[in-house]
PDB file of N, CA and C in Angstrom:
ATOM      1  N   MET A   1      19.196  -3.423 -10.179  1.00  0.00           N
ATOM      2  CA  MET A   1      18.267  -3.619  -9.190  1.00  0.00           C
ATOM      3  C   MET A   1      16.945  -4.217  -9.599  1.00  0.00           C
ATOM      4  N   PHE A   2      16.512  -3.785 -10.879  1.00  0.00           N
ATOM      5  CA  PHE A   2      15.279  -4.334 -11.439  1.00  0.00           C
ATOM      6  C   PHE A   2      15.652  -5.375 -12.496  1.00  0.00           C
ATOM      7  N   LYS A   3      14.978  -6.507 -12.501  1.00  0.00           N
ATOM      8  CA  LYS A   3      15.204  -7.578 -13.321  1.00  0.00           C
ATOM      9  C   LYS A   3      13.916  -7.953 -14.010  1.00  0.00           C
ATOM     10  N   ASN A   4      13.897  -8.336 -15.224  1.00  0.00           N
ATOM     11  CA  ASN A   4      12.697  -8.825 -15.799  1.00  0.00           C
ATOM     12  C   ASN A   4      11.568  -7.792 -15.720  1.00  0.00           C
ATOM     13  N   LEU A   5      11.787  -6.592 -16.179  1.00  0.00           N
ATOM     14  CA  LEU A   5      10.745  -5.521 -16.065  1.00  0.00           C
ATOM     15  C   LEU A   5       9.709  -5.627 -17.115  1.00  0.00           C
ATOM     16  N   ASN A   6       8.470  -5.867 -16.759  1.00  0.00           N
ATOM     17  CA  ASN A   6       7.345  -5.982 -17.677  1.00  0.00           C
ATOM     18  C   ASN A   6       6.279  -5.099 -17.158  1.00  0.00           C
ATOM     19  N   MET A   7       5.550  -4.430 -18.229  1.00  0.00           N
ATOM     20  CA  MET A   7       4.424  -3.531 -17.855  1.00  0.00           C
ATOM     21  C   MET A   7       3.109  -4.089 -18.351  1.00  0.00           C
ATOM     22  N   ILE A   8       2.115  -4.128 -17.539  1.00  0.00           N
ATOM     23  CA  ILE A   8       0.822  -4.592 -17.953  1.00  0.00           C
ATOM     24  C   ILE A   8      -0.165  -3.540 -17.405  1.00  0.00           C
ATOM     25  N   GLU A   9      -1.324  -3.409 -18.118  1.00  0.00           N
ATOM     26  CA  GLU A   9      -2.273  -2.516 -17.610  1.00  0.00           C
ATOM     27  C   GLU A   9      -3.412  -3.241 -16.924  1.00  0.00           C
ATOM     28  N   ALA A  10      -3.850  -2.682 -15.920  1.00  0.00           N
ATOM     29  CA  ALA A  10      -4.844  -3.221 -15.041  1.00  0.00           C
ATOM     30  C   ALA A  10      -6.031  -2.192 -15.026  1.00  0.00           C
ATOM     31  N   PRO A  11      -7.288  -2.557 -14.672  1.00  0.00           N
ATOM     32  CA  PRO A  11      -8.373  -1.646 -14.736  1.00  0.00           C
ATOM     33  C   PRO A  11      -8.164  -0.320 -13.966  1.00  0.00           C
ATOM     34  N   LYS A  12      -7.514  -0.386 -12.855  1.00  0.00           N
ATOM     35  CA  LYS A  12      -7.446   0.804 -12.024  1.00  0.00           C
ATOM     36  C   LYS A  12      -6.012   1.393 -11.910  1.00  0.00           C
ATOM     37  N   LEU A  13      -4.933   0.615 -12.254  1.00  0.00           N
ATOM     38  CA  LEU A  13      -3.609   1.114 -12.145  1.00  0.00           C
ATOM     39  C   LEU A  13      -2.751   0.419 -13.047  1.00  0.00           C
ATOM     40  N   LEU A  14      -1.506   0.924 -13.178  1.00  0.00           N
ATOM     41  CA  LEU A  14      -0.485   0.276 -14.010  1.00  0.00           C
ATOM     42  C   LEU A  14       0.316  -0.587 -13.084  1.00  0.00           C
ATOM     43  N   LYS A  15       0.466  -1.851 -13.359  1.00  0.00           N
ATOM     44  CA  LYS A  15       1.318  -2.762 -12.510  1.00  0.00           C
ATOM     45  C   LYS A  15       2.593  -2.922 -13.313  1.00  0.00           C
ATOM     46  N   ILE A  16       3.626  -3.041 -12.530  1.00  0.00           N
ATOM     47  CA  ILE A  16       4.957  -3.229 -13.115  1.00  0.00           C
ATOM     48  C   ILE A  16       5.526  -4.529 -12.439  1.00  0.00           C
ATOM     49  N   ASN A  17       5.823  -5.565 -13.222  1.00  0.00           N
ATOM     50  CA  ASN A  17       6.405  -6.745 -12.733  1.00  0.00           C
ATOM     51  C   ASN A  17       7.900  -6.596 -12.613  1.00  0.00           C
ATOM     52  N   SER A  18       8.409  -6.648 -11.330  1.00  0.00           N
ATOM     53  CA  SER A  18       9.792  -6.454 -11.218  1.00  0.00           C
ATOM     54  C   SER A  18      10.340  -7.364  -9.981  1.00  0.00           C
ATOM     55  N   PHE A  19      11.579  -7.461  -9.887  1.00  0.00           N
ATOM     56  CA  PHE A  19      12.157  -8.198  -8.736  1.00  0.00           C
ATOM     57  C   PHE A  19      12.949  -7.258  -7.985  1.00  0.00           C
ATOM     58  N   PHE A  20      12.708  -7.160  -6.634  1.00  0.00           N
ATOM     59  CA  PHE A  20      13.469  -6.300  -5.758  1.00  0.00           C
ATOM     60  C   PHE A  20      14.523  -7.260  -5.048  1.00  0.00           C
ATOM     61  N   ALA A  21      15.760  -7.129  -5.441  1.00  0.00           N
ATOM     62  CA  ALA A  21      16.817  -8.001  -4.900  1.00  0.00           C
ATOM     63  C   ALA A  21      16.989  -7.820  -3.458  1.00  0.00           C
ATOM     64  N   GLY A  22      17.059  -8.863  -2.725  1.00  0.00           N
ATOM     65  CA  GLY A  22      17.387  -8.888  -1.303  1.00  0.00           C
ATOM     66  C   GLY A  22      16.253  -8.470  -0.371  1.00  0.00           C
ATOM     67  N   THR A  23      15.012  -8.364  -0.876  1.00  0.00           N
ATOM     68  CA  THR A  23      13.938  -8.102   0.032  1.00  0.00           C
ATOM     69  C   THR A  23      12.861  -9.064  -0.145  1.00  0.00           C
ATOM     70  N   ASP A  24      11.867  -8.889   0.868  1.00  0.00           N
ATOM     71  CA  ASP A  24      10.661  -9.904   0.753  1.00  0.00           C
ATOM     72  C   ASP A  24       9.493  -9.073   0.447  1.00  0.00           C
ATOM     73  N   VAL A  25       9.637  -7.984  -0.302  1.00  0.00           N
ATOM     74  CA  VAL A  25       8.505  -7.130  -0.748  1.00  0.00           C
ATOM     75  C   VAL A  25       7.651  -7.983  -1.797  1.00  0.00           C
ATOM     76  N   ILE A  26       6.478  -8.071  -1.556  1.00  0.00           N
ATOM     77  CA  ILE A  26       5.503  -8.720  -2.556  1.00  0.00           C
ATOM     78  C   ILE A  26       4.960  -7.708  -3.497  1.00  0.00           C
ATOM     79  N   GLY A  27       4.542  -6.475  -2.918  1.00  0.00           N
ATOM     80  CA  GLY A  27       4.080  -5.471  -3.737  1.00  0.00           C
ATOM     81  C   GLY A  27       4.217  -4.039  -3.046  1.00  0.00           C
ATOM     82  N   PHE A  28       4.421  -3.156  -3.833  1.00  0.00           N
ATOM     83  CA  PHE A  28       4.733  -1.715  -3.295  1.00  0.00           C
ATOM     84  C   PHE A  28       4.132  -0.727  -4.194  1.00  0.00           C
ATOM     85  N   GLN A  29       3.116   0.025  -3.615  1.00  0.00           N
ATOM     86  CA  GLN A  29       2.473   1.014  -4.423  1.00  0.00           C
ATOM     87  C   GLN A  29       3.198   2.289  -4.336  1.00  0.00           C
ATOM     88  N   PHE A  30       3.557   2.897  -5.412  1.00  0.00           N
ATOM     89  CA  PHE A  30       4.168   4.190  -5.490  1.00  0.00           C
ATOM     90  C   PHE A  30       3.541   5.095  -6.534  1.00  0.00           C
ATOM     91  N   PHE A  31       2.895   6.202  -6.081  1.00  0.00           N
ATOM     92  CA  PHE A  31       2.058   7.003  -6.902  1.00  0.00           C
ATOM     93  C   PHE A  31       1.037   6.141  -7.682  1.00  0.00           C
ATOM     94  N   ILE A  32       1.013   6.259  -8.970  1.00  0.00           N
ATOM     95  CA  ILE A  32       0.027   5.397  -9.788  1.00  0.00           C
ATOM     96  C   ILE A  32       0.606   3.993 -10.148  1.00  0.00           C
ATOM     97  N   TRP A  33       1.731   3.729  -9.704  1.00  0.00           N
ATOM     98  CA  TRP A  33       2.306   2.411 -10.103  1.00  0.00           C
ATOM     99  C   TRP A  33       2.309   1.413  -8.941  1.00  0.00           C
ATOM    100  N   LEU A  34       2.194   0.179  -9.338  1.00  0.00           N
ATOM    101  CA  LEU A  34       2.348  -0.834  -8.352  1.00  0.00           C
ATOM    102  C   LEU A  34       3.442  -1.790  -8.801  1.00  0.00           C
ATOM    103  N   PHE A  35       4.536  -1.873  -7.969  1.00  0.00           N
ATOM    104  CA  PHE A  35       5.635  -2.759  -8.240  1.00  0.00           C
ATOM    105  C   PHE A  35       5.399  -4.104  -7.542  1.00  0.00           C
ATOM    106  N   VAL A  36       5.490  -5.186  -8.327  1.00  0.00           N
ATOM    107  CA  VAL A  36       5.366  -6.493  -7.730  1.00  0.00           C
ATOM    108  C   VAL A  36       6.546  -7.393  -8.119  1.00  0.00           C
ATOM    109  N   ASP A  37       6.786  -8.339  -7.287  1.00  0.00           N
ATOM    110  CA  ASP A  37       8.017  -9.180  -7.598  1.00  0.00           C
ATOM    111  C   ASP A  37       7.578 -10.357  -8.666  1.00  0.00           C
ATOM    112  N   SER A  38       6.347 -10.731  -8.795  1.00  0.00           N
ATOM    113  CA  SER A  38       6.001 -11.622  -9.799  1.00  0.00           C
ATOM    114  C   SER A  38       4.417 -11.573 -10.052  1.00  0.00           C
ATOM    115  N   ILE A  39       4.122 -11.431 -11.307  1.00  0.00           N
ATOM    116  CA  ILE A  39       2.655 -11.330 -11.728  1.00  0.00           C
ATOM    117  C   ILE A  39       1.955 -12.571 -11.225  1.00  0.00           C
ATOM    118  N   GLU A  40       2.551 -13.730 -11.367  1.00  0.00           N
ATOM    119  CA  GLU A  40       1.874 -15.051 -11.089  1.00  0.00           C
ATOM    120  C   GLU A  40       1.638 -15.111  -9.566  1.00  0.00           C
ATOM    121  N   LYS A  41       2.624 -14.681  -8.789  1.00  0.00           N
ATOM    122  CA  LYS A  41       2.425 -14.638  -7.363  1.00  0.00           C
ATOM    123  C   LYS A  41       1.326 -13.649  -6.968  1.00  0.00           C
ATOM    124  N   TRP A  42       1.367 -12.463  -7.647  1.00  0.00           N
ATOM    125  CA  TRP A  42       0.436 -11.448  -7.390  1.00  0.00           C
ATOM    126  C   TRP A  42      -1.010 -11.890  -7.604  1.00  0.00           C
ATOM    127  N   LYS A  43      -1.240 -12.580  -8.763  1.00  0.00           N
ATOM    128  CA  LYS A  43      -2.538 -13.009  -9.054  1.00  0.00           C
ATOM    129  C   LYS A  43      -3.126 -14.046  -8.040  1.00  0.00           C
ATOM    130  N   ASN A  44      -2.189 -14.705  -7.350  1.00  0.00           N
ATOM    131  CA  ASN A  44      -2.660 -15.745  -6.375  1.00  0.00           C
ATOM    132  C   ASN A  44      -2.659 -15.123  -4.855  1.00  0.00           C
ATOM    133  N   ARG A  45      -2.595 -13.820  -4.766  1.00  0.00           N
ATOM    134  CA  ARG A  45      -2.594 -13.175  -3.476  1.00  0.00           C
ATOM    135  C   ARG A  45      -3.691 -12.102  -3.408  1.00  0.00           C
ATOM    136  N   PRO A  46      -4.900 -12.511  -3.314  1.00  0.00           N
ATOM    137  CA  PRO A  46      -5.930 -11.523  -3.290  1.00  0.00           C
ATOM    138  C   PRO A  46      -5.924 -10.549  -2.109  1.00  0.00           C
ATOM    139  N   ILE A  47      -5.486 -11.073  -0.988  1.00  0.00           N
ATOM    140  CA  ILE A  47      -5.315 -10.167   0.240  1.00  0.00           C
ATOM    141  C   ILE A  47      -4.266  -9.158   0.025  1.00  0.00           C
ATOM    142  N   SER A  48      -3.090  -9.514  -0.615  1.00  0.00           N
ATOM    143  CA  SER A  48      -2.103  -8.462  -0.898  1.00  0.00           C
ATOM    144  C   SER A  48      -2.619  -7.481  -1.844  1.00  0.00           C
ATOM    145  N   ARG A  49      -3.339  -7.924  -2.833  1.00  0.00           N
ATOM    146  CA  ARG A  49      -3.872  -7.099  -3.863  1.00  0.00           C
ATOM    147  C   ARG A  49      -4.832  -6.022  -3.301  1.00  0.00           C
ATOM    148  N   GLN A  50      -5.758  -6.580  -2.375  1.00  0.00           N
ATOM    149  CA  GLN A  50      -6.677  -5.741  -1.708  1.00  0.00           C
ATOM    150  C   GLN A  50      -5.945  -4.666  -0.843  1.00  0.00           C
ATOM    151  N   HIS A  51      -4.957  -5.120  -0.141  1.00  0.00           N
ATOM    152  CA  HIS A  51      -4.187  -4.190   0.686  1.00  0.00           C
ATOM    153  C   HIS A  51      -3.610  -3.010  -0.138  1.00  0.00           C
ATOM    154  N   GLU A  52      -3.025  -3.344  -1.279  1.00  0.00           N
ATOM    155  CA  GLU A  52      -2.410  -2.342  -2.098  1.00  0.00           C
ATOM    156  C   GLU A  52      -3.453  -1.447  -2.783  1.00  0.00           C
ATOM    157  N   LEU A  53      -4.623  -2.064  -3.170  1.00  0.00           N
ATOM    158  CA  LEU A  53      -5.664  -1.268  -3.741  1.00  0.00           C
ATOM    159  C   LEU A  53      -6.239  -0.225  -2.772  1.00  0.00           C
ATOM    160  N   ILE A  54      -6.232  -0.674  -1.450  1.00  0.00           N
ATOM    161  CA  ILE A  54      -6.745   0.288  -0.404  1.00  0.00           C
ATOM    162  C   ILE A  54      -5.664   1.455  -0.438  1.00  0.00           C
ATOM    163  N   HIS A  55      -4.390   1.136  -0.448  1.00  0.00           N
ATOM    164  CA  HIS A  55      -3.422   2.314  -0.486  1.00  0.00           C
ATOM    165  C   HIS A  55      -3.605   3.080  -1.740  1.00  0.00           C
ATOM    166  N   PHE A  56      -3.957   2.465  -2.881  1.00  0.00           N
ATOM    167  CA  PHE A  56      -4.164   3.251  -4.127  1.00  0.00           C
ATOM    168  C   PHE A  56      -5.292   4.242  -3.882  1.00  0.00           C
ATOM    169  N   GLN A  57      -6.413   3.857  -3.251  1.00  0.00           N
ATOM    170  CA  GLN A  57      -7.517   4.673  -2.988  1.00  0.00           C
ATOM    171  C   GLN A  57      -7.103   5.764  -2.033  1.00  0.00           C
ATOM    172  N   GLN A  58      -6.294   5.515  -1.072  1.00  0.00           N
ATOM    173  CA  GLN A  58      -5.868   6.489  -0.117  1.00  0.00           C
ATOM    174  C   GLN A  58      -4.957   7.507  -0.815  1.00  0.00           C
ATOM    175  N   GLY A  59      -4.146   7.003  -1.768  1.00  0.00           N
ATOM    176  CA  GLY A  59      -3.305   7.842  -2.551  1.00  0.00           C
ATOM    177  C   GLY A  59      -4.041   8.856  -3.463  1.00  0.00           C
ATOM    178  N   ARG A  60      -5.083   8.271  -4.094  1.00  0.00           N
ATOM    179  CA  ARG A  60      -5.936   9.105  -4.990  1.00  0.00           C
ATOM    180  C   ARG A  60      -6.571  10.294  -4.186  1.00  0.00           C
ATOM    181  N   GLU A  61      -7.013   9.931  -3.001  1.00  0.00           N
ATOM    182  CA  GLU A  61      -7.687  10.941  -2.195  1.00  0.00           C
ATOM    183  C   GLU A  61      -6.770  12.078  -1.855  1.00  0.00           C
ATOM    184  N   LEU A  62      -5.530  11.718  -1.599  1.00  0.00           N
ATOM    185  CA  LEU A  62      -4.511  12.796  -1.167  1.00  0.00           C
ATOM    186  C   LEU A  62      -3.529  13.129  -2.358  1.00  0.00           C
ATOM    187  N   LEU A  63      -4.028  12.925  -3.572  1.00  0.00           N
ATOM    188  CA  LEU A  63      -3.239  13.255  -4.775  1.00  0.00           C
ATOM    189  C   LEU A  63      -1.883  12.638  -4.823  1.00  0.00           C
ATOM    190  N   PHE A  64      -1.712  11.478  -4.238  1.00  0.00           N
ATOM    191  CA  PHE A  64      -0.501  10.679  -4.189  1.00  0.00           C
ATOM    192  C   PHE A  64       0.674  11.398  -3.501  1.00  0.00           C
ATOM    193  N   ILE A  65       1.020  12.571  -3.834  1.00  0.00           N
ATOM    194  CA  ILE A  65       2.227  13.303  -3.141  1.00  0.00           C
ATOM    195  C   ILE A  65       1.893  13.585  -1.770  1.00  0.00           C
ATOM    196  N   PHE A  66       0.666  13.991  -1.484  1.00  0.00           N
ATOM    197  CA  PHE A  66       0.340  14.178  -0.016  1.00  0.00           C
ATOM    198  C   PHE A  66       0.168  12.924   0.757  1.00  0.00           C
ATOM    199  N   PHE A  67      -0.191  11.934   0.035  1.00  0.00           N
ATOM    200  CA  PHE A  67      -0.200  10.579   0.668  1.00  0.00           C
ATOM    201  C   PHE A  67       1.169  10.191   1.246  1.00  0.00           C
ATOM    202  N   TRP A  68       2.171  10.340   0.459  1.00  0.00           N
ATOM    203  CA  TRP A  68       3.495   9.948   0.851  1.00  0.00           C
ATOM    204  C   TRP A  68       4.072  10.955   1.893  1.00  0.00           C
ATOM    205  N   PHE A  69       3.701  12.203   1.813  1.00  0.00           N
ATOM    206  CA  PHE A  69       4.129  13.144   2.844  1.00  0.00           C
ATOM    207  C   PHE A  69       3.534  12.801   4.211  1.00  0.00           C
ATOM    208  N   PHE A  70       2.196  12.524   4.227  1.00  0.00           N
ATOM    209  CA  PHE A  70       1.571  12.150   5.520  1.00  0.00           C
ATOM    210  C   PHE A  70       1.992  10.723   5.971  1.00  0.00           C
ATOM    211  N   TYR A  71       2.226   9.894   4.972  1.00  0.00           N
ATOM    212  CA  TYR A  71       2.791   8.563   5.326  1.00  0.00           C
ATOM    213  C   TYR A  71       4.099   8.656   6.135  1.00  0.00           C
ATOM    214  N   VAL A  72       5.032   9.367   5.608  1.00  0.00           N
ATOM    215  CA  VAL A  72       6.323   9.499   6.211  1.00  0.00           C
ATOM    216  C   VAL A  72       6.161  10.247   7.514  1.00  0.00           C
ATOM    217  N   LEU A  73       5.393  11.314   7.615  1.00  0.00           N
ATOM    218  CA  LEU A  73       5.185  12.115   8.795  1.00  0.00           C
ATOM    219  C   LEU A  73       4.552  11.217   9.902  1.00  0.00           C
ATOM    220  N   ASN A  74       3.546  10.453   9.503  1.00  0.00           N
ATOM    221  CA  ASN A  74       2.931   9.551  10.507  1.00  0.00           C
ATOM    222  C   ASN A  74       3.899   8.506  11.030  1.00  0.00           C
ATOM    223  N   TYR A  75       4.717   7.968  10.143  1.00  0.00           N
ATOM    224  CA  TYR A  75       5.838   7.043  10.576  1.00  0.00           C
ATOM    225  C   TYR A  75       6.769   7.707  11.576  1.00  0.00           C
ATOM    226  N   LEU A  76       7.178   8.936  11.243  1.00  0.00           N
ATOM    227  CA  LEU A  76       8.204   9.566  12.106  1.00  0.00           C
ATOM    228  C   LEU A  76       7.592   9.856  13.477  1.00  0.00           C
ATOM    229  N   VAL A  77       6.369  10.333  13.503  1.00  0.00           N
ATOM    230  CA  VAL A  77       5.696  10.554  14.748  1.00  0.00           C
ATOM    231  C   VAL A  77       5.535   9.157  15.540  1.00  0.00           C
ATOM    232  N   ASN A  78       5.159   8.236  14.832  1.00  0.00           N
ATOM    233  CA  ASN A  78       5.074   6.831  15.508  1.00  0.00           C
ATOM    234  C   ASN A  78       6.435   6.402  16.031  1.00  0.00           C
ATOM    235  N   LEU A  79       7.448   6.607  15.295  1.00  0.00           N
ATOM    236  CA  LEU A  79       8.817   6.362  15.710  1.00  0.00           C
ATOM    237  C   LEU A  79       9.165   6.927  16.995  1.00  0.00           C
ATOM    238  N   LEU A  80       8.749   8.133  17.261  1.00  0.00           N
ATOM    239  CA  LEU A  80       8.897   8.834  18.520  1.00  0.00           C
ATOM    240  C   LEU A  80       8.120   8.192  19.670  1.00  0.00           C
ATOM    241  N   ILE A  81       6.925   7.704  19.267  1.00  0.00           N
ATOM    242  CA  ILE A  81       6.054   7.130  20.218  1.00  0.00           C
ATOM    243  C   ILE A  81       6.465   5.715  20.659  1.00  0.00           C
ATOM    244  N   TYR A  82       6.740   4.873  19.603  1.00  0.00           N
ATOM    245  CA  TYR A  82       6.989   3.472  19.924  1.00  0.00           C
ATOM    246  C   TYR A  82       8.557   3.058  19.982  1.00  0.00           C
ATOM    247  N   TRP A  83       9.430   3.937  19.506  1.00  0.00           N
ATOM    248  CA  TRP A  83      10.920   3.675  19.488  1.00  0.00           C
ATOM    249  C   TRP A  83      11.153   2.344  18.874  1.00  0.00           C
ATOM    250  N   ASN A  84      10.325   1.881  17.858  1.00  0.00           N
ATOM    251  CA  ASN A  84      10.570   0.682  17.244  1.00  0.00           C
ATOM    252  C   ASN A  84      10.077   0.813  15.749  1.00  0.00           C
ATOM    253  N   GLY A  85      10.883   0.529  14.814  1.00  0.00           N
ATOM    254  CA  GLY A  85      10.577   0.642  13.412  1.00  0.00           C
ATOM    255  C   GLY A  85       9.359  -0.046  12.906  1.00  0.00           C
ATOM    256  N   HIS A  86       9.291  -1.334  13.341  1.00  0.00           N
ATOM    257  CA  HIS A  86       8.142  -2.123  12.941  1.00  0.00           C
ATOM    258  C   HIS A  86       6.886  -1.629  13.498  1.00  0.00           C
ATOM    259  N   GLU A  87       6.926  -1.314  14.835  1.00  0.00           N
ATOM    260  CA  GLU A  87       5.666  -0.810  15.467  1.00  0.00           C
ATOM    261  C   GLU A  87       5.258   0.478  14.874  1.00  0.00           C
ATOM    262  N   ALA A  88       6.210   1.378  14.535  1.00  0.00           N
ATOM    263  CA  ALA A  88       5.896   2.638  13.965  1.00  0.00           C
ATOM    264  C   ALA A  88       5.228   2.394  12.587  1.00  0.00           C
ATOM    265  N   TYR A  89       5.739   1.502  11.857  1.00  0.00           N
ATOM    266  CA  TYR A  89       5.160   1.117  10.498  1.00  0.00           C
ATOM    267  C   TYR A  89       3.730   0.571  10.608  1.00  0.00           C
ATOM    268  N   ILE A  90       3.455  -0.424  11.441  1.00  0.00           N
ATOM    269  CA  ILE A  90       2.215  -1.042  11.553  1.00  0.00           C
ATOM    270  C   ILE A  90       1.143  -0.141  12.123  1.00  0.00           C
ATOM    271  N   ASN A  91       1.498   0.984  12.822  1.00  0.00           N
ATOM    272  CA  ASN A  91       0.633   1.909  13.386  1.00  0.00           C
ATOM    273  C   ASN A  91       0.485   3.157  12.564  1.00  0.00           C
ATOM    274  N   ILE A  92       0.982   3.205  11.315  1.00  0.00           N
ATOM    275  CA  ILE A  92       0.667   4.376  10.374  1.00  0.00           C
ATOM    276  C   ILE A  92      -0.814   4.159  10.056  1.00  0.00           C
ATOM    277  N   CYS A  93      -1.544   5.275  10.078  1.00  0.00           N
ATOM    278  CA  CYS A  93      -2.975   5.176   9.944  1.00  0.00           C
ATOM    279  C   CYS A  93      -3.356   4.484   8.564  1.00  0.00           C
ATOM    280  N   PHE A  94      -2.492   4.672   7.515  1.00  0.00           N
ATOM    281  CA  PHE A  94      -2.837   4.095   6.287  1.00  0.00           C
ATOM    282  C   PHE A  94      -2.689   2.623   6.255  1.00  0.00           C
ATOM    283  N   GLU A  95      -1.628   2.156   7.016  1.00  0.00           N
ATOM    284  CA  GLU A  95      -1.334   0.684   7.117  1.00  0.00           C
ATOM    285  C   GLU A  95      -2.390   0.112   7.989  1.00  0.00           C
ATOM    286  N   ARG A  96      -2.822   0.807   8.976  1.00  0.00           N
ATOM    287  CA  ARG A  96      -3.851   0.251  10.000  1.00  0.00           C
ATOM    288  C   ARG A  96      -5.140  -0.033   9.175  1.00  0.00           C
ATOM    289  N   GLU A  97      -5.526   0.911   8.352  1.00  0.00           N
ATOM    290  CA  GLU A  97      -6.710   0.686   7.553  1.00  0.00           C
ATOM    291  C   GLU A  97      -6.496  -0.499   6.588  1.00  0.00           C
ATOM    292  N   ALA A  98      -5.431  -0.560   5.858  1.00  0.00           N
ATOM    293  CA  ALA A  98      -5.160  -1.550   4.803  1.00  0.00           C
ATOM    294  C   ALA A  98      -5.053  -2.961   5.518  1.00  0.00           C
ATOM    295  N   TYR A  99      -4.374  -3.057   6.536  1.00  0.00           N
ATOM    296  CA  TYR A  99      -4.318  -4.405   7.289  1.00  0.00           C
ATOM    297  C   TYR A  99      -5.681  -4.878   7.824  1.00  0.00           C
ATOM    298  N   ALA A 100      -6.325  -3.888   8.385  1.00  0.00           N
ATOM    299  CA  ALA A 100      -7.634  -4.185   9.061  1.00  0.00           C
ATOM    300  C   ALA A 100      -8.736  -4.674   7.988  1.00  0.00           C
ATOM    301  N   MET A 101      -8.625  -4.063   6.857  1.00  0.00           N
ATOM    302  CA  MET A 101      -9.670  -4.214   5.794  1.00  0.00           C
ATOM    303  C   MET A 101      -9.232  -5.068   4.610  1.00  0.00           C
ATOM    304  N   GLN A 102      -8.027  -5.557   4.647  1.00  0.00           N
ATOM    305  CA  GLN A 102      -7.516  -6.291   3.371  1.00  0.00           C
ATOM    306  C   GLN A 102      -8.227  -7.691   3.186  1.00  0.00           C
ATOM    307  N   LYS A 103      -8.960  -8.180   4.119  1.00  0.00           N
ATOM    308  CA  LYS A 103      -9.627  -9.519   3.951  1.00  0.00           C
ATOM    309  C   LYS A 103     -11.195  -9.264   3.660  1.00  0.00           C
ATOM    310  N   GLU A 104     -11.592  -7.994   3.672  1.00  0.00           N
ATOM    311  CA  GLU A 104     -13.008  -7.663   3.429  1.00  0.00           C
ATOM    312  C   GLU A 104     -13.180  -7.394   1.970  1.00  0.00           C
ATOM    313  N   SER A 105     -13.765  -8.435   1.224  1.00  0.00           N
ATOM    314  CA  SER A 105     -13.817  -8.410  -0.229  1.00  0.00           C
ATOM    315  C   SER A 105     -14.641  -7.211  -0.845  1.00  0.00           C
ATOM    316  N   GLY A 106     -15.609  -6.786  -0.173  1.00  0.00           N
ATOM    317  CA  GLY A 106     -16.464  -5.664  -0.698  1.00  0.00           C
ATOM    318  C   GLY A 106     -16.040  -4.312  -0.106  1.00  0.00           C
ATOM    319  N   TYR A 107     -14.977  -4.276   0.507  1.00  0.00           N
ATOM    320  CA  TYR A 107     -14.596  -3.043   1.271  1.00  0.00           C
ATOM    321  C   TYR A 107     -14.436  -1.839   0.357  1.00  0.00           C
ATOM    322  N   LEU A 108     -13.790  -1.942  -0.751  1.00  0.00           N
ATOM    323  CA  LEU A 108     -13.479  -0.856  -1.705  1.00  0.00           C
ATOM    324  C   LEU A 108     -14.693  -0.249  -2.195  1.00  0.00           C
ATOM    325  N   ALA A 109     -15.723  -1.074  -2.504  1.00  0.00           N
ATOM    326  CA  ALA A 109     -16.941  -0.559  -2.959  1.00  0.00           C
ATOM    327  C   ALA A 109     -17.677   0.263  -2.070  1.00  0.00           C
ATOM    328  N   LYS A 110     -17.663  -0.079  -0.699  1.00  0.00           N
ATOM    329  CA  LYS A 110     -18.418   0.701   0.321  1.00  0.00           C
ATOM    330  C   LYS A 110     -17.487   1.670   1.138  1.00  0.00           C
ATOM    331  N   ARG A 111     -16.210   1.696   0.837  1.00  0.00           N
ATOM    332  CA  ARG A 111     -15.347   2.462   1.604  1.00  0.00           C
ATOM    333  C   ARG A 111     -15.692   4.062   1.427  1.00  0.00           C
ATOM    334  N   ARG A 112     -15.644   4.755   2.513  1.00  0.00           N
ATOM    335  CA  ARG A 112     -15.911   6.174   2.486  1.00  0.00           C
ATOM    336  C   ARG A 112     -14.646   6.943   2.178  1.00  0.00           C
ATOM    337  N   LYS A 113     -14.749   8.100   1.598  1.00  0.00           N
ATOM    338  CA  LYS A 113     -13.458   8.838   1.270  1.00  0.00           C
ATOM    339  C   LYS A 113     -12.816   9.177   2.552  1.00  0.00           C
ATOM    340  N   PHE A 114     -11.530   9.172   2.616  1.00  0.00           N
ATOM    341  CA  PHE A 114     -10.668   9.541   3.736  1.00  0.00           C
ATOM    342  C   PHE A 114     -11.031   8.672   4.957  1.00  0.00           C
ATOM    343  N   ALA A 115     -11.275   7.357   4.671  1.00  0.00           N
ATOM    344  CA  ALA A 115     -11.606   6.471   5.769  1.00  0.00           C
ATOM    345  C   ALA A 115     -10.431   6.283   6.658  1.00  0.00           C
ATOM    346  N   PHE A 116      -9.213   6.453   6.126  1.00  0.00           N
ATOM    347  CA  PHE A 116      -7.991   6.242   6.941  1.00  0.00           C
ATOM    348  C   PHE A 116      -7.925   7.158   8.190  1.00  0.00           C
ATOM    349  N   LEU A 117      -8.684   8.221   8.118  1.00  0.00           N
ATOM    350  CA  LEU A 117      -8.678   9.179   9.340  1.00  0.00           C
ATOM    351  C   LEU A 117      -9.220   8.514  10.608  1.00  0.00           C
ATOM    352  N   GLN A 118     -10.144   7.545  10.390  1.00  0.00           N
ATOM    353  CA  GLN A 118     -10.557   6.990  11.630  1.00  0.00           C
ATOM    354  C   GLN A 118      -9.599   6.036  12.239  1.00  0.00           C
ATOM    355  N   TRP A 119      -8.534   5.702  11.557  1.00  0.00           N
ATOM    356  CA  TRP A 119      -7.400   4.850  11.992  1.00  0.00           C
ATOM    357  C   TRP A 119      -6.179   5.713  12.594  1.00  0.00           C
ATOM    358  N   LEU A 120      -6.498   6.955  12.488  1.00  0.00           N
ATOM    359  CA  LEU A 120      -5.327   7.834  12.948  1.00  0.00           C
ATOM    360  C   LEU A 120      -5.081   7.731  14.425  1.00  0.00           C
ATOM    361  N   ILE A 121      -6.124   7.542  15.231  1.00  0.00           N
ATOM    362  CA  ILE A 121      -5.931   7.514  16.732  1.00  0.00           C
ATOM    363  C   ILE A 121      -6.231   6.034  17.142  1.00  0.00           C
TER     364      ILE A 121
END
């Protein structure tokens, strides 16, 4: 499943260069790790980086394990509301914050703790 696995350290998190076969995933944050399909591609995608760093901040605030618990719970509730997997995903409060603020270059510096709560409703 993983090919060409390389580990590099970054200022705020550990990034792992990997290839996810059969998917179009550019980056995926899981606990303290960030899985990316190509370091070169990742360096040239500041918006994707910002998106995942927002998720990293959200994860830190919820001690990572609670982040994933509430992420999945929010997805399941949204699935009951929207009856559509994609709509359920884009309306997860964590994703709503990340997508809305991924183009704001100074957002992480001024972001308040638990800012994702304002995107819950």
